[in-house]
Protein backbone atom coordinates (compact mmCIF):
# COMPACT_ATOMS: atom_id res chain seq x y z
CA UNK A 1 -0.07 0.04 -0.12
CA UNK A 2 2.84 2.31 0.56
CA UNK A 3 3.93 2.05 -3.14
CA UNK A 4 0.09 3.34 -4.24
CA UNK A 5 0.10 6.09 -1.73
CA UNK A 6 3.68 7.29 -2.90
CA UNK A 7 2.55 7.11 -6.46
CA UNK A 8 -0.69 8.99 -5.76
CA UNK A 9 1.49 11.65 -3.90
CA UNK A 10 3.73 11.49 -6.93
CA UNK A 11 0.69 12.52 -9.36
CA UNK A 12 -0.43 15.07 -6.95
CA UNK A 13 3.00 16.67 -6.99
CA UNK A 14 3.38 16.58 -11.03
CA UNK A 15 -0.26 17.74 -11.11
CA UNK A 16 0.63 20.81 -8.68
CA UNK A 17 3.94 21.26 -10.64
CA UNK A 18 1.78 21.31 -14.10
CA UNK A 19 -0.63 23.73 -12.77
CA UNK A 20 2.38 25.98 -11.42
CA UNK A 21 4.06 25.93 -14.94
CA UNK A 22 0.73 26.39 -16.85
CA UNK A 23 0.34 29.63 -14.63
CA UNK A 24 4.08 30.92 -15.06
CA UNK A 25 3.44 30.44 -18.95
CA UNK A 26 0.06 32.19 -18.92
CA UNK A 27 1.52 35.16 -16.89
CA UNK A 28 4.39 35.30 -19.12
CA UNK A 29 2.50 35.41 -22.26
CA UNK A 30 0.12 37.87 -20.72
CA UNK A 31 3.14 40.26 -19.71
CA UNK A 32 4.61 39.57 -23.22
CA UNK A 33 1.09 40.43 -25.06
CA UNK A 34 0.99 43.67 -22.93
CA UNK A 35 4.78 44.54 -23.95
CA UNK A 36 3.77 43.56 -27.54
CA UNK A 37 0.75 45.82 -27.45
CA UNK A 38 2.60 48.72 -26.07
CA UNK A 39 5.40 48.56 -28.54
CA UNK A 40 3.13 48.29 -31.52
CA UNK A 41 1.18 51.33 -30.23
CA UNK A 42 4.35 53.35 -29.85
CA UNK A 43 5.30 52.29 -33.42
CA UNK A 44 2.08 53.20 -34.98
CA UNK A 45 2.43 56.57 -33.30
CA UNK A 46 5.81 57.26 -34.32
CA UNK A 47 4.71 56.42 -38.10
CA UNK A 48 1.70 58.67 -37.86
CA UNK A 49 4.07 61.27 -36.46
CA UNK A 50 6.46 60.59 -39.53
CA UNK A 51 3.67 60.84 -42.13
CA UNK A 52 2.29 64.19 -40.67
CA UNK A 53 5.72 65.49 -40.98
CA UNK A 54 6.06 64.39 -44.36
CA UNK A 55 2.63 65.72 -45.53
CA UNK A 56 3.86 69.14 -44.00
CA UNK A 57 7.16 69.24 -45.78
CA UNK A 58 5.34 68.47 -49.02
CA UNK A 59 2.54 71.21 -48.59
CA UNK A 60 5.37 73.63 -47.77
CA UNK A 61 7.49 72.58 -50.79
CA UNK A 62 4.40 72.65 -53.06
CA UNK A 63 3.38 76.00 -52.10
CA UNK A 64 6.94 77.76 -52.31
CA UNK A 65 6.63 80.32 -54.74
CA UNK A 66 10.62 79.97 -55.68
CA UNK A 67 10.61 76.44 -55.11
CA UNK A 68 12.76 74.45 -57.34
CA UNK A 69 11.05 73.16 -60.65
CA UNK A 70 10.12 69.68 -60.74
CA UNK A 71 7.06 67.89 -62.65
CA UNK A 72 4.67 65.67 -61.11
CA UNK A 73 5.29 63.06 -63.55
CA UNK A 74 8.73 62.14 -61.99
CA UNK A 75 10.83 62.82 -64.96
CA UNK A 76 13.06 66.35 -64.67
């Protein structure tokens, strides 16, 4: 009987270790997800800032009365 009790305790310990491992993995995945979400949000905001700045530069370039002569078709 000692063997079956020991085996039962081993299974209980394995279940406990499995549950702890699953909790650690879930917690790590959740933290990584939040970090990834913040990183993507920052990258999107930076891209929006760059796009807005590029649009502003283009508008100023197009509005400049004595700006360099260039054609819209891409050929000089």
